[in-house]
Protein backbone atom coordinates (compact mmCIF):
# COMPACT_ATOMS: atom_id res chain seq x y z
CA MET A 1 17.01 10.21 9.20
CA PRO A 2 14.20 8.61 11.35
CA GLU A 3 14.58 5.19 12.62
CA GLN A 4 13.22 2.22 11.10
CA PRO A 5 12.85 -1.33 12.65
CA ALA A 6 15.50 -3.65 10.95
CA PRO A 7 13.80 -6.21 8.84
CA SER A 8 13.41 -9.78 9.77
CA SER A 9 15.74 -11.01 6.96
CA ALA A 10 18.62 -9.42 4.74
CA PHE A 11 16.50 -8.21 1.70
CA SER A 12 17.65 -5.20 -0.25
CA ARG A 13 15.37 -2.20 0.36
CA THR A 14 16.23 0.02 -2.42
CA ALA A 15 18.51 -0.53 -5.61
CA ARG A 16 22.08 0.67 -5.60
CA PRO A 17 22.73 3.61 -8.11
CA SER A 18 23.61 1.78 -11.27
CA THR A 19 25.38 4.81 -13.15
CA ARG A 20 27.07 7.99 -12.47
CA ARG A 21 24.74 9.76 -14.81
CA PRO A 22 22.37 12.18 -12.66
CA LYS A 23 19.10 10.40 -11.97
CA GLU A 24 16.95 12.87 -13.95
CA GLU A 25 18.77 12.06 -17.06
CA ARG A 26 19.75 8.19 -16.55
CA LEU A 27 16.52 6.77 -18.31
CA ALA A 28 16.12 9.55 -21.07
CA GLY A 29 15.04 7.85 -24.24
CA ILE A 30 14.38 4.69 -22.74
CA THR A 31 10.94 2.76 -23.16
CA VAL A 32 9.19 0.90 -20.31
CA LEU A 33 6.20 -0.99 -20.40
CA GLN A 34 4.28 -1.78 -17.51
CA ILE A 35 1.40 -4.51 -18.04
CA ILE A 36 -1.60 -4.67 -15.57
CA PRO A 37 -5.12 -6.12 -16.06
CA SER A 38 -6.90 -2.89 -15.72
CA LEU A 39 -6.76 0.71 -14.47
CA GLU A 40 -9.52 0.96 -12.20
CA ALA A 41 -9.04 2.11 -8.62
CA GLY A 42 -6.50 0.08 -6.27
CA GLY A 43 -3.21 0.00 -4.91
CA ALA A 44 -1.37 -1.84 -7.86
CA GLU A 45 -3.18 0.55 -10.59
CA ARG A 46 -2.35 3.84 -8.42
CA THR A 47 1.31 2.75 -8.30
CA THR A 48 1.41 2.09 -12.01
CA ILE A 49 0.21 5.60 -12.67
CA ASP A 50 2.91 6.74 -10.18
CA ILE A 51 5.73 5.04 -11.89
CA ALA A 52 4.46 6.01 -15.25
CA ASP A 53 4.60 9.69 -14.23
CA ALA A 54 8.02 9.25 -12.72
CA LEU A 55 9.50 7.73 -15.90
CA THR A 56 8.00 10.70 -18.14
CA ARG A 57 9.69 13.20 -15.77
CA SER A 58 12.87 11.14 -16.13
CA GLY A 59 12.87 11.56 -20.02
CA ALA A 60 11.58 7.82 -20.63
CA ARG A 61 8.54 6.75 -22.49
CA ALA A 62 5.96 5.20 -20.25
CA LEU A 63 3.51 2.63 -21.97
CA VAL A 64 0.99 0.72 -19.83
CA ALA A 65 -0.56 -2.32 -21.75
CA THR A 66 -4.07 -2.71 -20.06
CA GLU A 67 -7.84 -3.34 -20.87
CA GLY A 68 -8.69 0.25 -19.48
CA GLY A 69 -10.30 1.82 -16.66
CA ARG A 70 -11.22 5.00 -14.83
CA LEU A 71 -7.54 5.87 -14.28
CA VAL A 72 -6.71 5.89 -18.10
CA GLY A 73 -7.43 9.62 -18.49
CA GLU A 74 -5.04 10.18 -15.74
CA LEU A 75 -2.24 8.34 -16.95
CA GLN A 76 -2.50 9.95 -20.22
CA ALA A 77 -2.67 13.38 -18.48
CA ARG A 78 0.72 12.61 -16.71
CA GLY A 79 2.43 11.75 -20.08
CA GLY A 80 1.89 7.95 -20.00
CA LEU A 81 0.71 6.00 -23.18
CA TRP A 82 -2.17 3.53 -22.99
CA VAL A 83 -1.82 0.48 -25.18
CA PRO A 84 -5.31 -1.35 -25.26
CA PHE A 85 -4.43 -4.84 -24.45
CA ASN A 86 -6.53 -7.82 -23.05
CA ALA A 87 -4.25 -8.21 -20.10
CA SER A 88 -6.73 -9.94 -17.69
CA THR A 89 -7.36 -13.35 -19.41
CA LYS A 90 -6.50 -16.58 -17.79
CA ASN A 91 -7.14 -18.75 -20.66
CA PRO A 92 -3.89 -20.53 -21.54
CA LEU A 93 -4.24 -20.13 -25.23
CA ARG A 94 -5.01 -16.42 -24.93
CA ILE A 95 -2.01 -16.05 -22.72
CA TRP A 96 0.17 -17.51 -25.23
CA GLY A 97 -1.19 -15.33 -28.15
CA ASN A 98 -0.76 -12.43 -25.96
CA ALA A 99 2.73 -13.24 -25.66
CA ARG A 100 3.04 -13.05 -29.35
CA ARG A 101 1.48 -9.72 -29.44
CA LEU A 102 3.61 -8.60 -26.74
CA GLU A 103 6.80 -9.50 -28.92
CA ARG A 104 5.16 -7.44 -31.86
CA LEU A 105 4.50 -4.55 -29.57
CA ILE A 106 7.99 -4.80 -28.02
CA ARG A 107 9.60 -4.66 -31.55
CA GLU A 108 7.26 -1.77 -32.98
CA GLU A 109 7.70 0.40 -29.80
CA ARG A 110 11.30 -0.33 -29.00
CA ILE A 111 10.66 -1.23 -25.66
CA ASP A 112 13.60 -1.77 -23.31
CA LEU A 113 11.96 -3.24 -20.29
CA VAL A 114 8.76 -4.89 -19.10
CA HIS A 115 7.36 -4.70 -15.64
CA ALA A 116 4.39 -6.99 -14.88
CA ARG A 117 2.02 -6.27 -11.96
CA SER A 118 -0.24 -9.09 -11.98
CA ARG A 119 -0.14 -12.84 -12.63
CA ALA A 120 -2.01 -13.48 -15.69
CA PRO A 121 -0.20 -10.75 -17.66
CA ALA A 122 2.97 -11.61 -16.24
CA TRP A 123 3.00 -15.26 -17.95
CA SER A 124 2.56 -13.62 -21.54
CA ALA A 125 5.22 -11.02 -20.48
CA ARG A 126 7.67 -13.55 -19.13
CA LEU A 127 7.29 -15.65 -22.30
CA ALA A 128 7.99 -12.53 -24.62
CA THR A 129 10.89 -11.01 -22.65
CA ARG A 130 12.52 -14.68 -22.57
CA ARG A 131 12.35 -14.76 -26.31
CA LEU A 132 13.67 -11.36 -26.81
CA GLY A 133 16.17 -11.27 -24.01
CA LEU A 134 14.57 -8.25 -22.29
CA PRO A 135 14.84 -7.36 -18.57
CA PHE A 136 11.80 -8.48 -16.88
CA VAL A 137 10.60 -6.99 -13.56
CA THR A 138 7.60 -8.20 -11.31
CA THR A 139 5.76 -6.46 -8.36
CA TYR A 140 4.37 -8.81 -5.77
CA HIS A 141 1.41 -6.50 -4.50
CA GLY A 142 -0.17 -8.83 -2.16
CA SER A 143 -0.41 -12.52 -0.80
CA TYR A 144 -1.53 -14.97 -3.36
CA ALA A 145 -3.31 -17.93 -1.88
CA GLY A 146 -1.89 -21.16 -3.13
CA GLY A 147 -4.12 -24.08 -2.23
CA ASN A 148 -2.55 -26.45 -4.53
CA SER A 149 0.51 -27.35 -6.68
CA TRP A 150 -1.32 -25.94 -9.75
CA LYS A 151 -2.04 -22.51 -8.09
CA LYS A 152 1.32 -22.30 -6.55
CA ARG A 153 2.87 -22.77 -10.11
CA TYR A 154 0.59 -20.26 -11.45
CA ASN A 155 1.55 -17.73 -8.67
CA GLY A 156 5.12 -18.51 -9.35
CA VAL A 157 5.38 -16.41 -12.35
CA MET A 158 5.59 -13.31 -9.99
CA ALA A 159 8.67 -14.75 -8.44
CA GLU A 160 10.53 -15.17 -11.91
CA GLY A 161 11.34 -11.61 -12.63
CA ASP A 162 15.11 -10.63 -12.95
CA VAL A 163 14.11 -8.24 -10.12
CA VAL A 164 11.00 -9.24 -7.82
CA ILE A 165 9.80 -6.30 -6.13
CA ALA A 166 8.01 -6.94 -2.98
CA ASN A 167 5.79 -4.05 -1.24
CA SER A 168 7.08 -5.02 2.38
CA TYR A 169 9.39 -7.29 4.28
CA PHE A 170 6.56 -9.31 5.20
CA THR A 171 5.59 -9.85 1.36
CA ALA A 172 9.41 -10.55 0.74
CA GLU A 173 9.49 -13.29 3.46
CA THR A 174 6.38 -14.74 1.87
CA ILE A 175 8.07 -14.94 -1.72
CA ALA A 176 11.21 -16.38 -0.07
CA GLU A 177 9.26 -19.10 1.85
CA ASN A 178 7.60 -20.35 -1.44
CA TRP A 179 10.31 -19.79 -3.95
CA PRO A 180 13.73 -19.80 -1.89
CA GLU A 181 15.39 -19.56 -5.50
CA ALA A 182 14.02 -16.10 -5.84
CA ARG A 183 15.33 -14.68 -2.46
CA GLU A 184 18.56 -13.13 -3.92
CA ARG A 185 16.25 -11.17 -6.64
CA VAL A 186 13.80 -9.81 -4.18
CA ARG A 187 13.98 -6.01 -3.81
CA VAL A 188 11.70 -4.45 -1.05
CA ILE A 189 10.08 -1.10 -2.05
CA HIS A 190 7.45 0.16 0.08
CA ARG A 191 4.30 1.52 -1.56
CA GLY A 192 4.60 5.28 -1.83
CA THR A 193 2.03 7.81 -0.37
CA ASP A 194 1.44 11.07 -1.85
CA LEU A 195 2.64 13.49 0.96
CA THR A 196 1.10 16.68 -0.89
CA ALA A 197 -2.27 15.12 -0.40
CA PHE A 198 -1.68 13.41 2.87
CA SER A 199 -0.32 16.56 4.77
CA PRO A 200 -2.32 18.37 7.49
CA SER A 201 -1.33 21.72 5.96
CA ALA A 202 -3.27 20.54 2.83
CA VAL A 203 -6.62 19.95 4.48
CA SER A 204 -9.02 22.76 5.53
CA PHE A 205 -11.11 23.01 8.52
CA GLU A 206 -14.12 23.09 6.39
CA ARG A 207 -13.46 19.69 4.99
CA VAL A 208 -13.22 18.12 8.65
CA GLU A 209 -16.30 19.94 9.51
CA VAL A 210 -18.23 18.35 6.75
CA LEU A 211 -17.22 14.98 7.56
CA ARG A 212 -18.18 15.39 11.33
CA ARG A 213 -21.39 16.68 10.40
CA ALA A 214 -22.01 13.76 7.67
CA TRP A 215 -21.07 11.21 10.51
CA ASN A 216 -23.13 13.06 13.34
CA ILE A 217 -20.49 13.65 15.71
CA GLU A 218 -20.79 16.13 18.47
CA PRO A 219 -18.41 19.24 18.66
CA HIS A 220 -16.99 17.73 21.94
CA GLN A 221 -16.43 14.32 20.90
CA ARG A 222 -13.07 12.78 19.95
CA ILE A 223 -12.97 10.37 17.19
CA VAL A 224 -11.29 6.88 17.09
CA LEU A 225 -11.37 5.89 13.19
CA LEU A 226 -11.22 2.54 11.71
CA PRO A 227 -10.83 2.90 8.12
CA GLY A 228 -11.39 -0.19 5.78
CA ARG A 229 -14.12 -1.98 4.05
CA LEU A 230 -16.49 -4.00 6.15
CA THR A 231 -15.10 -7.53 6.30
CA ALA A 232 -14.29 -9.56 9.15
CA TRP A 233 -10.62 -9.64 8.94
CA LYS A 234 -10.47 -5.89 9.08
CA GLY A 235 -11.35 -6.22 12.89
CA GLN A 236 -14.58 -4.09 13.42
CA ARG A 237 -15.64 -6.72 16.01
CA VAL A 238 -12.29 -6.27 17.87
CA LEU A 239 -12.70 -2.46 17.92
CA ILE A 240 -16.43 -2.73 19.07
CA ASP A 241 -15.39 -4.81 21.80
CA ALA A 242 -12.48 -2.46 22.71
CA ALA A 243 -14.94 0.57 22.64
CA ALA A 244 -16.94 -1.08 25.38
CA LEU A 245 -14.01 -1.18 27.60
CA VAL A 246 -12.92 2.27 26.65
CA LYS A 247 -16.45 3.43 27.84
CA GLN A 248 -16.31 1.40 31.00
CA ARG A 249 -12.92 3.11 31.87
CA GLY A 250 -14.56 6.47 32.07
CA LEU A 251 -13.85 7.95 28.48
CA GLU A 252 -17.31 9.12 27.54
CA ASP A 253 -16.57 11.88 25.09
CA VAL A 254 -15.27 9.19 22.38
CA ALA A 255 -17.05 8.43 19.10
CA PHE A 256 -15.96 5.31 17.22
CA VAL A 257 -16.20 5.42 13.39
CA LEU A 258 -16.20 2.61 10.93
CA ALA A 259 -15.50 4.08 7.66
CA GLY A 260 -15.74 1.59 4.79
CA ASP A 261 -17.93 0.10 2.26
CA PRO A 262 -19.88 -3.17 3.16
CA GLN A 263 -19.53 -4.30 -0.48
CA GLY A 264 -22.44 -6.33 -0.05
CA ARG A 265 -21.68 -8.06 3.08
CA ASP A 266 -25.12 -7.83 4.57
CA GLY A 267 -24.84 -10.63 6.95
CA TYR A 268 -21.54 -9.08 8.43
CA VAL A 269 -23.15 -5.65 8.57
CA ALA A 270 -26.25 -7.24 10.43
CA ASP A 271 -23.63 -8.85 12.91
CA ILE A 272 -21.75 -5.68 13.52
CA ASP A 273 -24.94 -3.72 14.29
CA ALA A 274 -26.18 -6.48 16.81
CA ARG A 275 -22.80 -6.36 18.40
CA ILE A 276 -22.84 -2.63 18.98
CA ALA A 277 -26.50 -3.09 20.33
CA GLU A 278 -25.35 -5.85 22.83
CA ARG A 279 -22.31 -3.78 23.96
CA GLY A 280 -24.60 -0.87 24.92
CA LEU A 281 -22.73 1.31 22.10
CA ARG A 282 -25.61 2.72 20.02
CA GLY A 283 -24.95 6.41 19.36
CA ALA A 284 -21.08 5.69 20.25
CA VAL A 285 -20.05 3.70 17.31
CA HIS A 286 -20.94 4.97 13.77
CA ARG A 287 -21.02 2.95 10.86
CA VAL A 288 -20.59 5.73 7.95
CA GLY A 289 -19.97 3.64 4.83
CA HIS A 290 -17.28 4.76 2.23
CA CYS A 291 -15.21 7.94 2.86
CA SER A 292 -13.92 9.73 -0.26
CA ASP A 293 -11.89 12.38 1.59
CA MET A 294 -9.57 10.23 3.76
CA PRO A 295 -7.04 13.21 4.41
CA ALA A 296 -9.91 14.86 6.06
CA ALA A 297 -10.93 11.71 7.90
CA TYR A 298 -7.54 11.28 9.49
CA LEU A 299 -7.10 14.86 10.53
CA SER A 300 -10.41 14.61 12.17
CA ALA A 301 -9.39 11.73 14.21
CA ALA A 302 -7.93 11.66 17.65
CA ALA A 303 -6.57 8.13 17.00
CA VAL A 304 -6.81 5.46 14.23
CA ALA A 305 -7.32 1.92 14.98
CA ILE A 306 -6.21 -0.89 12.46
CA PRO A 307 -6.90 -4.09 14.33
CA SER A 308 -6.90 -6.70 11.56
CA THR A 309 -7.07 -10.17 12.37
CA SER A 310 -5.28 -11.51 9.33
CA PRO A 311 -2.02 -9.87 8.27
CA GLU A 312 -1.81 -7.17 5.70
CA ALA A 313 0.73 -7.20 2.80
CA PHE A 314 1.18 -3.59 3.23
CA GLY A 315 0.03 -0.94 5.85
CA ARG A 316 -1.30 1.80 3.65
CA THR A 317 -4.00 3.30 6.12
CA ALA A 318 -1.25 3.21 8.86
CA VAL A 319 1.01 5.03 6.81
CA GLU A 320 -1.46 7.69 5.61
CA ALA A 321 -2.65 8.25 9.11
CA GLN A 322 1.04 8.72 10.45
CA ALA A 323 1.49 11.08 7.41
CA MET A 324 -1.27 13.28 8.77
CA GLY A 325 0.06 13.10 12.23
CA CYS A 326 -2.53 11.01 13.79
CA PRO A 327 -1.81 8.43 16.52
CA VAL A 328 -2.10 4.87 15.24
CA VAL A 329 -2.82 1.61 16.91
CA VAL A 330 -2.24 -1.45 14.75
CA SER A 331 -2.28 -5.40 15.10
CA ASP A 332 1.24 -6.64 15.47
CA HIS A 333 1.59 -8.73 12.55
CA GLY A 334 1.95 -8.77 8.56
CA ALA A 335 3.36 -5.64 7.10
CA THR A 336 1.41 -2.93 9.02
CA SER A 337 3.67 -3.64 11.99
CA GLU A 338 6.76 -2.76 10.01
CA THR A 339 5.36 0.61 9.12
CA VAL A 340 4.92 1.82 12.71
CA LEU A 341 7.85 2.47 15.21
CA ALA A 342 6.85 0.96 18.56
CA PRO A 343 8.63 -0.87 21.43
CA PRO A 344 10.39 -3.08 21.73
CA GLU A 345 12.39 -2.15 18.74
CA ILE A 346 12.62 1.58 20.04
CA VAL A 347 12.05 3.13 23.33
CA GLY A 348 8.58 4.38 24.03
CA ASN A 349 9.18 8.05 23.75
CA ARG A 350 10.42 7.60 20.31
CA ARG A 351 7.31 5.68 19.06
CA THR A 352 5.00 6.72 16.17
CA GLY A 353 2.28 4.45 17.14
CA TRP A 354 1.33 1.26 19.12
CA ARG A 355 1.23 -2.35 18.17
CA THR A 356 -1.18 -4.52 19.91
CA ALA A 357 -1.83 -8.38 20.13
CA VAL A 358 -3.93 -9.83 17.33
CA GLY A 359 -7.63 -9.92 18.29
CA ASP A 360 -7.10 -8.67 21.83
CA PRO A 361 -9.75 -6.11 22.73
CA GLU A 362 -7.95 -5.47 26.24
CA ALA A 363 -4.76 -4.67 24.50
CA LEU A 364 -6.37 -2.45 21.88
CA ALA A 365 -8.44 -0.60 24.45
CA GLU A 366 -5.31 0.18 26.73
CA ALA A 367 -3.30 1.41 23.61
CA LEU A 368 -6.23 3.88 22.72
CA ILE A 369 -6.78 5.14 26.11
CA GLU A 370 -2.92 5.99 26.10
CA ALA A 371 -3.09 7.57 22.79
CA LEU A 372 -6.46 9.39 23.65
CA THR A 373 -4.92 10.86 26.93
CA LEU A 374 -1.37 11.92 25.51
CA GLY A 375 -0.69 15.65 26.70
CA ALA A 376 -0.33 18.01 23.91
CA SER A 377 3.38 18.26 24.00
CA ALA A 378 3.64 14.54 23.63
CA ARG A 379 1.09 14.36 20.95
CA ASP A 380 2.78 16.93 18.82
CA GLY A 381 6.17 15.17 19.26
CA LEU A 382 4.52 11.98 18.25
CA ALA A 383 2.90 13.63 15.31
CA ALA A 384 6.17 15.12 14.00
CA ARG A 385 8.03 11.81 14.34
CA ALA A 386 5.46 10.15 12.58
CA ARG A 387 5.45 12.63 9.55
CA ALA A 388 9.17 12.36 9.38
CA HIS A 389 8.95 8.64 9.46
CA VAL A 390 6.73 8.34 6.56
CA GLU A 391 8.63 11.12 4.55
CA ALA A 392 11.79 9.16 4.88
CA HIS A 393 10.58 5.72 4.24
CA PHE A 394 7.11 5.75 2.69
CA SER A 395 6.93 8.78 0.25
CA LEU A 396 6.13 8.55 -3.55
CA ASP A 397 9.47 9.95 -4.23
CA VAL A 398 11.05 7.10 -2.40
CA MET A 399 9.23 4.60 -4.22
CA CYS A 400 9.67 6.22 -7.43
CA GLU A 401 13.41 6.65 -7.12
CA ALA A 402 13.83 3.19 -6.03
CA THR A 403 11.87 1.61 -8.74
CA LEU A 404 13.75 3.65 -11.25
CA ASP A 405 17.00 2.45 -9.82
CA VAL A 406 15.77 -1.02 -10.38
CA TYR A 407 15.14 -0.30 -14.18
CA GLY A 408 18.49 1.46 -14.24
CA GLU A 409 20.42 -1.44 -12.90
CA LEU A 410 18.80 -3.89 -15.07
CA LEU A 411 19.23 -1.81 -18.28
CA VAL A 412 22.94 -1.57 -17.58
CA ARG A 413 23.22 -5.20 -17.11
CA SER A 414 21.43 -5.70 -20.24
CA ARG A 415 23.76 -3.19 -22.08
CA ARG A 416 20.59 -1.21 -23.12
CA LEU A 417 21.54 1.89 -21.28
CA GLY A 418 24.99 3.63 -22.16
CA ALA A 419 27.34 3.61 -19.05
CA ASP A 420 29.39 6.77 -18.42
């Protein structure tokens, strides 16, 4: 199995198998309720759908209590059941009322376990499961800001699960620092990537060519891609400064692509455009807006830069790029760095990417030049290692299996699942 850097603390990464019964039969007949504010696009929402699909395939019933959203149709197509529910309210009285409604739902549908993926519905779910003695799981999908004691208490419900799933070791450390009593209940399960979609063999040459034409990239140019919405902490300024250094050092056939939605940040967009002009990079840096075909975008790239200046709770784009065999250069902080194999944890010829100091254009430029000047054999070797690394540690199958193991462990503990 490919190497993985040792975590900074001894959090469990996956659940231990809880029964000798085959995994595909272990949850048969069990009903699991996930609760989330809505099913619009997003990491937590996508994971909800993936786990519902895994539950259905295991023979369990998968209910999702949510207000609705564009992914409801996909949930139902994959065997999940939508329960319309006002799960986003932060009104304390309505949260209390929702807890009573959840109790009724749990009894009527004979729900065996509840999994909350957001704070407001987690409060209702915690009240209901505590009264009924049901297993309660939470997933900490990101770093919640806690500016005062009230906010910290509000956030703290996500650390009250019988198992608290963290989407990275970085997130796990954040939980343990704020709620030390939860440390023993934290389980690290990285977000899974769909390796059927993010596969070089799944992307046609035509899809890549469509993007290159839309981005006005010349046939001879190599692409350095920064995927991410246009906001200061994603590091677009750092890449622009690094691009100027790359050009100064003689790499003239490189196009730098900023692929992301500005989301109304007109002032930041104007600042980026001014910086591009000041560095003499008009025609070299392309601001292309939202990209709806990310597998093709990664395959079109000679390198992917992720120079975030604030730590990420997970490193989705770094994982996706590695799945596509593309060299990645990331800021060495947060969860992104734990998704990329690089020195000093491993020797250089075993790397799957580069980690650079935060906010350092010089270091970013040096890493990009190294990635762009790899020989064919070295690049092929890096691509193979990166893909194998993602398959072993960040696939949908790994995430779903680990999550279902958590469910099985808790259900055995609560005697809701018959032991062999």
